PDB file of N, CA and C in Angstrom:
ATOM      1  N   UNK A   1      96.308 114.771  83.449  1.00  0.00           N
ATOM      2  CA  UNK A   1      97.405 114.964  82.517  1.00  0.00           C
ATOM      3  C   UNK A   1      97.960 113.590  82.143  1.00  0.00           C
ATOM      4  N   UNK A   2      98.136 113.344  80.855  1.00  0.00           N
ATOM      5  CA  UNK A   2      98.644 112.046  80.405  1.00  0.00           C
ATOM      6  C   UNK A   2     100.150 111.962  80.612  1.00  0.00           C
ATOM      7  N   UNK A   3     100.663 110.741  80.518  1.00  0.00           N
ATOM      8  CA  UNK A   3     102.106 110.521  80.694  1.00  0.00           C
ATOM      9  C   UNK A   3     102.912 111.308  79.661  1.00  0.00           C
ATOM     10  N   UNK A   4     102.373 111.462  78.438  1.00  0.00           N
ATOM     11  CA  UNK A   4     103.079 112.200  77.402  1.00  0.00           C
ATOM     12  C   UNK A   4     103.170 113.691  77.721  1.00  0.00           C
ATOM     13  N   UNK A   5     102.221 114.222  78.486  1.00  0.00           N
ATOM     14  CA  UNK A   5     102.181 115.647  78.791  1.00  0.00           C
ATOM     15  C   UNK A   5     102.983 116.011  80.036  1.00  0.00           C
ATOM     16  N   UNK A   6     103.263 115.039  80.896  1.00  0.00           N
ATOM     17  CA  UNK A   6     104.014 115.324  82.116  1.00  0.00           C
ATOM     18  C   UNK A   6     105.465 115.603  81.798  1.00  0.00           C
ATOM     19  N   UNK A   7     106.036 116.635  82.419  1.00  0.00           N
ATOM     20  CA  UNK A   7     107.460 116.880  82.180  1.00  0.00           C
ATOM     21  C   UNK A   7     108.301 115.763  82.795  1.00  0.00           C
ATOM     22  N   UNK A   8     109.415 115.450  82.154  1.00  0.00           N
ATOM     23  CA  UNK A   8     110.332 114.443  82.697  1.00  0.00           C
ATOM     24  C   UNK A   8     111.003 115.005  83.937  1.00  0.00           C
ATOM     25  N   UNK A   9     111.306 114.148  84.908  1.00  0.00           N
ATOM     26  CA  UNK A   9     112.057 114.619  86.078  1.00  0.00           C
ATOM     27  C   UNK A   9     113.420 115.156  85.647  1.00  0.00           C
ATOM     28  N   UNK A  10     113.922 116.130  86.366  1.00  0.00           N
ATOM     29  CA  UNK A  10     115.234 116.688  86.072  1.00  0.00           C
ATOM     30  C   UNK A  10     116.284 115.604  86.194  1.00  0.00           C
ATOM     31  N   UNK A  11     117.129 115.504  85.181  1.00  0.00           N
ATOM     32  CA  UNK A  11     118.213 114.529  85.188  1.00  0.00           C
ATOM     33  C   UNK A  11     119.518 115.241  85.479  1.00  0.00           C
ATOM     34  N   UNK A  12     120.334 114.593  86.269  1.00  0.00           N
ATOM     35  CA  UNK A  12     121.644 115.138  86.621  1.00  0.00           C
ATOM     36  C   UNK A  12     122.706 114.232  86.027  1.00  0.00           C
ATOM     37  N   UNK A  13     123.586 114.802  85.219  1.00  0.00           N
ATOM     38  CA  UNK A  13     124.692 114.008  84.656  1.00  0.00           C
ATOM     39  C   UNK A  13     125.709 113.739  85.753  1.00  0.00           C
ATOM     40  N   UNK A  14     126.109 112.485  85.848  1.00  0.00           N
ATOM     41  CA  UNK A  14     127.079 112.063  86.858  1.00  0.00           C
ATOM     42  C   UNK A  14     128.030 111.057  86.219  1.00  0.00           C
ATOM     43  N   UNK A  15     129.040 110.662  86.960  1.00  0.00           N
ATOM     44  CA  UNK A  15     129.924 109.581  86.535  1.00  0.00           C
ATOM     45  C   UNK A  15     130.398 108.868  87.792  1.00  0.00           C
ATOM     46  N   UNK A  16     129.597 107.892  88.224  1.00  0.00           N
ATOM     47  CA  UNK A  16     129.912 107.090  89.398  1.00  0.00           C
ATOM     48  C   UNK A  16     130.199 105.668  88.948  1.00  0.00           C
ATOM     49  N   UNK A  17     131.254 105.075  89.481  1.00  0.00           N
ATOM     50  CA  UNK A  17     131.497 103.646  89.269  1.00  0.00           C
ATOM     51  C   UNK A  17     130.627 102.894  90.272  1.00  0.00           C
ATOM     52  N   UNK A  18     130.045 101.811  89.836  1.00  0.00           N
ATOM     53  CA  UNK A  18     129.191 101.031  90.717  1.00  0.00           C
ATOM     54  C   UNK A  18     129.119  99.589  90.266  1.00  0.00           C
ATOM     55  N   UNK A  19     128.210  98.869  90.889  1.00  0.00           N
ATOM     56  CA  UNK A  19     127.996  97.458  90.582  1.00  0.00           C
ATOM     57  C   UNK A  19     126.504  97.204  90.485  1.00  0.00           C
ATOM     58  N   UNK A  20     126.115  96.438  89.495  1.00  0.00           N
ATOM     59  CA  UNK A  20     124.730  95.974  89.376  1.00  0.00           C
ATOM     60  C   UNK A  20     124.714  94.496  89.713  1.00  0.00           C
ATOM     61  N   UNK A  21     123.723  94.105  90.507  1.00  0.00           N
ATOM     62  CA  UNK A  21     123.494  92.692  90.806  1.00  0.00           C
ATOM     63  C   UNK A  21     122.106  92.342  90.318  1.00  0.00           C
ATOM     64  N   UNK A  22     122.007  91.311  89.484  1.00  0.00           N
ATOM     65  CA  UNK A  22     120.724  90.890  88.937  1.00  0.00           C
ATOM     66  C   UNK A  22     120.019  89.938  89.908  1.00  0.00           C
ATOM     67  N   UNK A  23     118.778  89.623  89.605  1.00  0.00           N
ATOM     68  CA  UNK A  23     117.993  88.750  90.482  1.00  0.00           C
ATOM     69  C   UNK A  23     118.563  87.338  90.575  1.00  0.00           C
ATOM     70  N   UNK A  24     119.396  86.941  89.605  1.00  0.00           N
ATOM     71  CA  UNK A  24     120.034  85.617  89.680  1.00  0.00           C
ATOM     72  C   UNK A  24     121.444  85.701  90.275  1.00  0.00           C
ATOM     73  N   UNK A  25     121.737  86.829  90.973  1.00  0.00           N
ATOM     74  CA  UNK A  25     122.984  87.042  91.732  1.00  0.00           C
ATOM     75  C   UNK A  25     124.221  87.276  90.857  1.00  0.00           C
ATOM     76  N   UNK A  26     124.034  87.593  89.587  1.00  0.00           N
ATOM     77  CA  UNK A  26     125.161  87.952  88.712  1.00  0.00           C
ATOM     78  C   UNK A  26     125.491  89.425  88.957  1.00  0.00           C
ATOM     79  N   UNK A  27     126.754  89.717  89.293  1.00  0.00           N
ATOM     80  CA  UNK A  27     127.192  91.094  89.539  1.00  0.00           C
ATOM     81  C   UNK A  27     128.238  91.503  88.519  1.00  0.00           C
ATOM     82  N   UNK A  28     128.193  92.766  88.103  1.00  0.00           N
ATOM     83  CA  UNK A  28     129.197  93.286  87.183  1.00  0.00           C
ATOM     84  C   UNK A  28     129.301  94.801  87.323  1.00  0.00           C
ATOM     85  N   UNK A  29     130.457  95.357  86.924  1.00  0.00           N
ATOM     86  CA  UNK A  29     130.666  96.799  87.075  1.00  0.00           C
ATOM     87  C   UNK A  29     129.859  97.602  86.058  1.00  0.00           C
ATOM     88  N   UNK A  30     129.433  98.791  86.482  1.00  0.00           N
ATOM     89  CA  UNK A  30     128.730  99.736  85.621  1.00  0.00           C
ATOM     90  C   UNK A  30     129.247 101.141  85.921  1.00  0.00           C
ATOM     91  N   UNK A  31     128.932 102.061  85.034  1.00  0.00           N
ATOM     92  CA  UNK A  31     129.135 103.475  85.299  1.00  0.00           C
ATOM     93  C   UNK A  31     127.763 104.126  85.265  1.00  0.00           C
ATOM     94  N   UNK A  32     127.397 104.799  86.358  1.00  0.00           N
ATOM     95  CA  UNK A  32     126.129 105.522  86.405  1.00  0.00           C
ATOM     96  C   UNK A  32     126.360 106.826  85.648  1.00  0.00           C
ATOM     97  N   UNK A  33     125.569 107.089  84.609  1.00  0.00           N
ATOM     98  CA  UNK A  33     125.763 108.257  83.743  1.00  0.00           C
ATOM     99  C   UNK A  33     124.797 109.397  84.048  1.00  0.00           C
ATOM    100  N   UNK A  34     123.581 109.081  84.512  1.00  0.00           N
ATOM    101  CA  UNK A  34     122.709 110.146  84.974  1.00  0.00           C
ATOM    102  C   UNK A  34     121.708 109.605  85.974  1.00  0.00           C
ATOM    103  N   UNK A  35     121.186 110.545  86.767  1.00  0.00           N
ATOM    104  CA  UNK A  35     120.236 110.226  87.824  1.00  0.00           C
ATOM    105  C   UNK A  35     119.091 111.224  87.782  1.00  0.00           C
ATOM    106  N   UNK A  36     117.915 110.769  88.179  1.00  0.00           N
ATOM    107  CA  UNK A  36     116.782 111.655  88.425  1.00  0.00           C
ATOM    108  C   UNK A  36     116.134 111.161  89.709  1.00  0.00           C
ATOM    109  N   UNK A  37     115.107 111.834  90.148  1.00  0.00           N
ATOM    110  CA  UNK A  37     114.409 111.398  91.354  1.00  0.00           C
ATOM    111  C   UNK A  37     113.766 110.030  91.159  1.00  0.00           C
ATOM    112  N   UNK A  38     113.528 109.655  89.906  1.00  0.00           N
ATOM    113  CA  UNK A  38     112.828 108.400  89.641  1.00  0.00           C
ATOM    114  C   UNK A  38     113.679 107.302  89.033  1.00  0.00           C
ATOM    115  N   UNK A  39     114.902 107.628  88.564  1.00  0.00           N
ATOM    116  CA  UNK A  39     115.640 106.571  87.897  1.00  0.00           C
ATOM    117  C   UNK A  39     117.081 106.901  87.588  1.00  0.00           C
ATOM    118  N   UNK A  40     117.655 106.080  86.709  1.00  0.00           N
ATOM    119  CA  UNK A  40     119.089 106.125  86.424  1.00  0.00           C
ATOM    120  C   UNK A  40     119.364 105.637  85.008  1.00  0.00           C
ATOM    121  N   UNK A  41     120.528 106.046  84.485  1.00  0.00           N
ATOM    122  CA  UNK A  41     121.029 105.530  83.213  1.00  0.00           C
ATOM    123  C   UNK A  41     122.409 104.971  83.472  1.00  0.00           C
ATOM    124  N   UNK A  42     122.666 103.770  82.961  1.00  0.00           N
ATOM    125  CA  UNK A  42     123.917 103.070  83.207  1.00  0.00           C
ATOM    126  C   UNK A  42     124.668 102.812  81.915  1.00  0.00           C
ATOM    127  N   UNK A  43     125.992 102.800  82.011  1.00  0.00           N
ATOM    128  CA  UNK A  43     126.844 102.271  80.948  1.00  0.00           C
ATOM    129  C   UNK A  43     127.357 100.935  81.462  1.00  0.00           C
ATOM    130  N   UNK A  44     127.149  99.892  80.692  1.00  0.00           N
ATOM    131  CA  UNK A  44     127.488  98.535  81.114  1.00  0.00           C
ATOM    132  C   UNK A  44     128.908  98.173  80.720  1.00  0.00           C
ATOM    133  N   UNK A  45     129.485  97.254  81.468  1.00  0.00           N
ATOM    134  CA  UNK A  45     130.798  96.710  81.134  1.00  0.00           C
ATOM    135  C   UNK A  45     130.685  95.907  79.835  1.00  0.00           C
ATOM    136  N   UNK A  46     131.789  95.816  79.094  1.00  0.00           N
ATOM    137  CA  UNK A  46     131.802  95.037  77.854  1.00  0.00           C
ATOM    138  C   UNK A  46     131.290  93.624  78.106  1.00  0.00           C
ATOM    139  N   UNK A  47     130.430  93.156  77.213  1.00  0.00           N
ATOM    140  CA  UNK A  47     129.936  91.786  77.291  1.00  0.00           C
ATOM    141  C   UNK A  47     128.773  91.579  78.240  1.00  0.00           C
ATOM    142  N   UNK A  48     128.357  92.611  78.941  1.00  0.00           N
ATOM    143  CA  UNK A  48     127.236  92.483  79.881  1.00  0.00           C
ATOM    144  C   UNK A  48     125.967  93.036  79.238  1.00  0.00           C
ATOM    145  N   UNK A  49     124.823  92.545  79.702  1.00  0.00           N
ATOM    146  CA  UNK A  49     123.555  93.060  79.215  1.00  0.00           C
ATOM    147  C   UNK A  49     122.512  92.982  80.312  1.00  0.00           C
ATOM    148  N   UNK A  50     121.522  93.830  80.208  1.00  0.00           N
ATOM    149  CA  UNK A  50     120.378  93.814  81.113  1.00  0.00           C
ATOM    150  C   UNK A  50     119.121  93.727  80.264  1.00  0.00           C
ATOM    151  N   UNK A  51     118.125  93.040  80.776  1.00  0.00           N
ATOM    152  CA  UNK A  51     116.885  92.843  80.043  1.00  0.00           C
ATOM    153  C   UNK A  51     115.800  93.767  80.581  1.00  0.00           C
ATOM    154  N   UNK A  52     114.976  94.285  79.693  1.00  0.00           N
ATOM    155  CA  UNK A  52     113.852  95.120  80.104  1.00  0.00           C
ATOM    156  C   UNK A  52     112.966  94.312  81.046  1.00  0.00           C
ATOM    157  N   UNK A  53     112.609  94.927  82.171  1.00  0.00           N
ATOM    158  CA  UNK A  53     111.783  94.266  83.180  1.00  0.00           C
ATOM    159  C   UNK A  53     112.585  93.584  84.272  1.00  0.00           C
ATOM    160  N   UNK A  54     113.881  93.463  84.084  1.00  0.00           N
ATOM    161  CA  UNK A  54     114.739  92.793  85.061  1.00  0.00           C
ATOM    162  C   UNK A  54     114.868  93.625  86.335  1.00  0.00           C
ATOM    163  N   UNK A  55     114.763  92.961  87.482  1.00  0.00           N
ATOM    164  CA  UNK A  55     114.947  93.602  88.782  1.00  0.00           C
ATOM    165  C   UNK A  55     116.433  93.551  89.120  1.00  0.00           C
ATOM    166  N   UNK A  56     117.000  94.693  89.533  1.00  0.00           N
ATOM    167  CA  UNK A  56     118.425  94.773  89.837  1.00  0.00           C
ATOM    168  C   UNK A  56     118.636  95.513  91.150  1.00  0.00           C
ATOM    169  N   UNK A  57     119.835  95.347  91.704  1.00  0.00           N
ATOM    170  CA  UNK A  57     120.287  96.156  92.829  1.00  0.00           C
ATOM    171  C   UNK A  57     121.495  96.934  92.345  1.00  0.00           C
ATOM    172  N   UNK A  58     121.461  98.260  92.513  1.00  0.00           N
ATOM    173  CA  UNK A  58     122.542  99.140  92.112  1.00  0.00           C
ATOM    174  C   UNK A  58     123.303  99.554  93.357  1.00  0.00           C
ATOM    175  N   UNK A  59     124.600  99.301  93.368  1.00  0.00           N
ATOM    176  CA  UNK A  59     125.461  99.645  94.502  1.00  0.00           C
ATOM    177  C   UNK A  59     126.537 100.618  94.035  1.00  0.00           C
ATOM    178  N   UNK A  60     126.667 101.723  94.773  1.00  0.00           N
ATOM    179  CA  UNK A  60     127.685 102.737  94.521  1.00  0.00           C
ATOM    180  C   UNK A  60     128.425 102.932  95.835  1.00  0.00           C
ATOM    181  N   UNK A  61     129.765 102.899  95.831  1.00  0.00           N
ATOM    182  CA  UNK A  61     130.508 103.045  97.087  1.00  0.00           C
ATOM    183  C   UNK A  61     130.075 104.289  97.871  1.00  0.00           C
ATOM    184  N   UNK A  62     129.890 104.086  99.173  1.00  0.00           N
ATOM    185  CA  UNK A  62     129.531 105.195 100.057  1.00  0.00           C
ATOM    186  C   UNK A  62     128.052 105.510 100.105  1.00  0.00           C
ATOM    187  N   UNK A  63     127.220 104.783  99.356  1.00  0.00           N
ATOM    188  CA  UNK A  63     125.777 105.025  99.322  1.00  0.00           C
ATOM    189  C   UNK A  63     125.026 103.731  99.627  1.00  0.00           C
ATOM    190  N   UNK A  64     123.786 103.870 100.052  1.00  0.00           N
ATOM    191  CA  UNK A  64     122.943 102.696 100.264  1.00  0.00           C
ATOM    192  C   UNK A  64     122.669 102.023  98.921  1.00  0.00           C
ATOM    193  N   UNK A  65     122.631 100.703  98.897  1.00  0.00           N
ATOM    194  CA  UNK A  65     122.245  99.977  97.690  1.00  0.00           C
ATOM    195  C   UNK A  65     120.777 100.277  97.412  1.00  0.00           C
ATOM    196  N   UNK A  66     120.437 100.330  96.128  1.00  0.00           N
ATOM    197  CA  UNK A  66     119.085 100.697  95.727  1.00  0.00           C
ATOM    198  C   UNK A  66     118.566  99.685  94.720  1.00  0.00           C
ATOM    199  N   UNK A  67     117.318  99.304  94.899  1.00  0.00           N
ATOM    200  CA  UNK A  67     116.684  98.379  93.962  1.00  0.00           C
ATOM    201  C   UNK A  67     116.042  99.159  92.834  1.00  0.00           C
ATOM    202  N   UNK A  68     115.994  98.528  91.682  1.00  0.00           N
ATOM    203  CA  UNK A  68     115.368  99.163  90.527  1.00  0.00           C
ATOM    204  C   UNK A  68     114.911  98.135  89.514  1.00  0.00           C
ATOM    205  N   UNK A  69     114.195  98.630  88.520  1.00  0.00           N
ATOM    206  CA  UNK A  69     113.706  97.801  87.423  1.00  0.00           C
ATOM    207  C   UNK A  69     114.210  98.402  86.126  1.00  0.00           C
ATOM    208  N   UNK A  70     114.784  97.581  85.279  1.00  0.00           N
ATOM    209  CA  UNK A  70     115.289  98.050  83.995  1.00  0.00           C
ATOM    210  C   UNK A  70     114.097  98.354  83.083  1.00  0.00           C
ATOM    211  N   UNK A  71     114.055  99.576  82.553  1.00  0.00           N
ATOM    212  CA  UNK A  71     112.949 100.042  81.703  1.00  0.00           C
ATOM    213  C   UNK A  71     113.306 100.054  80.225  1.00  0.00           C
ATOM    214  N   UNK A  72     114.607 100.196  79.909  1.00  0.00           N
ATOM    215  CA  UNK A  72     115.053 100.152  78.521  1.00  0.00           C
ATOM    216  C   UNK A  72     116.508  99.693  78.489  1.00  0.00           C
ATOM    217  N   UNK A  73     116.906  99.124  77.370  1.00  0.00           N
ATOM    218  CA  UNK A  73     118.287  98.677  77.187  1.00  0.00           C
ATOM    219  C   UNK A  73     118.618  98.789  75.707  1.00  0.00           C
ATOM    220  N   UNK A  74     119.823  99.349  75.419  1.00  0.00           N
ATOM    221  CA  UNK A  74     120.265  99.509  74.041  1.00  0.00           C
ATOM    222  C   UNK A  74     121.787  99.439  74.015  1.00  0.00           C
ATOM    223  N   UNK A  75     122.311  98.378  73.445  1.00  0.00           N
ATOM    224  CA  UNK A  75     123.759  98.219  73.386  1.00  0.00           C
ATOM    225  C   UNK A  75     124.355  98.169  74.778  1.00  0.00           C
ATOM    226  N   UNK A  76     125.338  99.051  75.034  1.00  0.00           N
ATOM    227  CA  UNK A  76     126.020  99.075  76.335  1.00  0.00           C
ATOM    228  C   UNK A  76     125.354 100.028  77.322  1.00  0.00           C
ATOM    229  N   UNK A  77     124.133 100.478  77.044  1.00  0.00           N
ATOM    230  CA  UNK A  77     123.426 101.362  77.970  1.00  0.00           C
ATOM    231  C   UNK A  77     122.100 100.761  78.382  1.00  0.00           C
ATOM    232  N   UNK A  78     121.673 101.133  79.585  1.00  0.00           N
ATOM    233  CA  UNK A  78     120.371 100.709  80.080  1.00  0.00           C
ATOM    234  C   UNK A  78     119.872 101.762  81.054  1.00  0.00           C
ATOM    235  N   UNK A  79     118.567 101.848  81.165  1.00  0.00           N
ATOM    236  CA  UNK A  79     117.966 102.788  82.102  1.00  0.00           C
ATOM    237  C   UNK A  79     116.954 102.080  82.962  1.00  0.00           C
ATOM    238  N   UNK A  80     116.815 102.574  84.179  1.00  0.00           N
ATOM    239  CA  UNK A  80     115.886 101.935  85.088  1.00  0.00           C
ATOM    240  C   UNK A  80     115.194 102.922  85.993  1.00  0.00           C
ATOM    241  N   UNK A  81     114.171 102.433  86.668  1.00  0.00           N
ATOM    242  CA  UNK A  81     113.454 103.238  87.655  1.00  0.00           C
ATOM    243  C   UNK A  81     113.730 102.657  89.031  1.00  0.00           C
ATOM    244  N   UNK A  82     113.829 103.545  90.017  1.00  0.00           N
ATOM    245  CA  UNK A  82     114.075 103.131  91.389  1.00  0.00           C
ATOM    246  C   UNK A  82     112.843 102.488  91.991  1.00  0.00           C
ATOM    247  N   UNK A  83     113.067 101.457  92.847  1.00  0.00           N
ATOM    248  CA  UNK A  83     111.965 100.885  93.593  1.00  0.00           C
ATOM    249  C   UNK A  83     112.137 101.049  95.083  1.00  0.00           C
ATOM    250  N   UNK A  84     113.279 101.547  95.572  1.00  0.00           N
ATOM    251  CA  UNK A  84     113.475 101.800  97.002  1.00  0.00           C
ATOM    252  C   UNK A  84     114.842 101.333  97.475  1.00  0.00           C
ATOM    253  N   UNK A  85     115.268 101.862  98.589  1.00  0.00           N
ATOM    254  CA  UNK A  85     116.572 101.498  99.146  1.00  0.00           C
ATOM    255  C   UNK A  85     116.511 100.105  99.740  1.00  0.00           C
ATOM    256  N   UNK A  86     117.644  99.390  99.697  1.00  0.00           N
ATOM    257  CA  UNK A  86     117.698  98.058 100.285  1.00  0.00           C
ATOM    258  C   UNK A  86     118.532  98.055 101.558  1.00  0.00           C
ATOM    259  N   UNK A  87     119.798  98.374 101.449  1.00  0.00           N
ATOM    260  CA  UNK A  87     120.657  98.321 102.646  1.00  0.00           C
ATOM    261  C   UNK A  87     121.849  99.230 102.500  1.00  0.00           C
ATOM    262  N   UNK A  88     122.447  99.564 103.603  1.00  0.00           N
ATOM    263  CA  UNK A  88     123.669 100.386 103.577  1.00  0.00           C
ATOM    264  C   UNK A  88     124.844  99.521 103.168  1.00  0.00           C
ATOM    265  N   UNK A  89     125.877 100.112 102.560  1.00  0.00           N
ATOM    266  CA  UNK A  89     127.032  99.323 102.106  1.00  0.00           C
ATOM    267  C   UNK A  89     127.805  98.730 103.254  1.00  0.00           C
TER     268      UNK A  89
END
């Protein structure tokens, strides 16, 4: 089955405040807008941007920090895929 034929993972709408840290140690606030088993969609703080292919760490209070890769970015939104847990908060 090709990638176009596979159903997308179920997405859950959420609204969590969190922090993204980029590979160059720049951190800024985000709002997590949806989650799936494979990824996330973020709303970025004003003036912030993420680049496609960028490796990030997503931190949400009360949860383990998770690494991911940005897969798309448009205006104040970006989406990424999870690469695995890093550490507990």
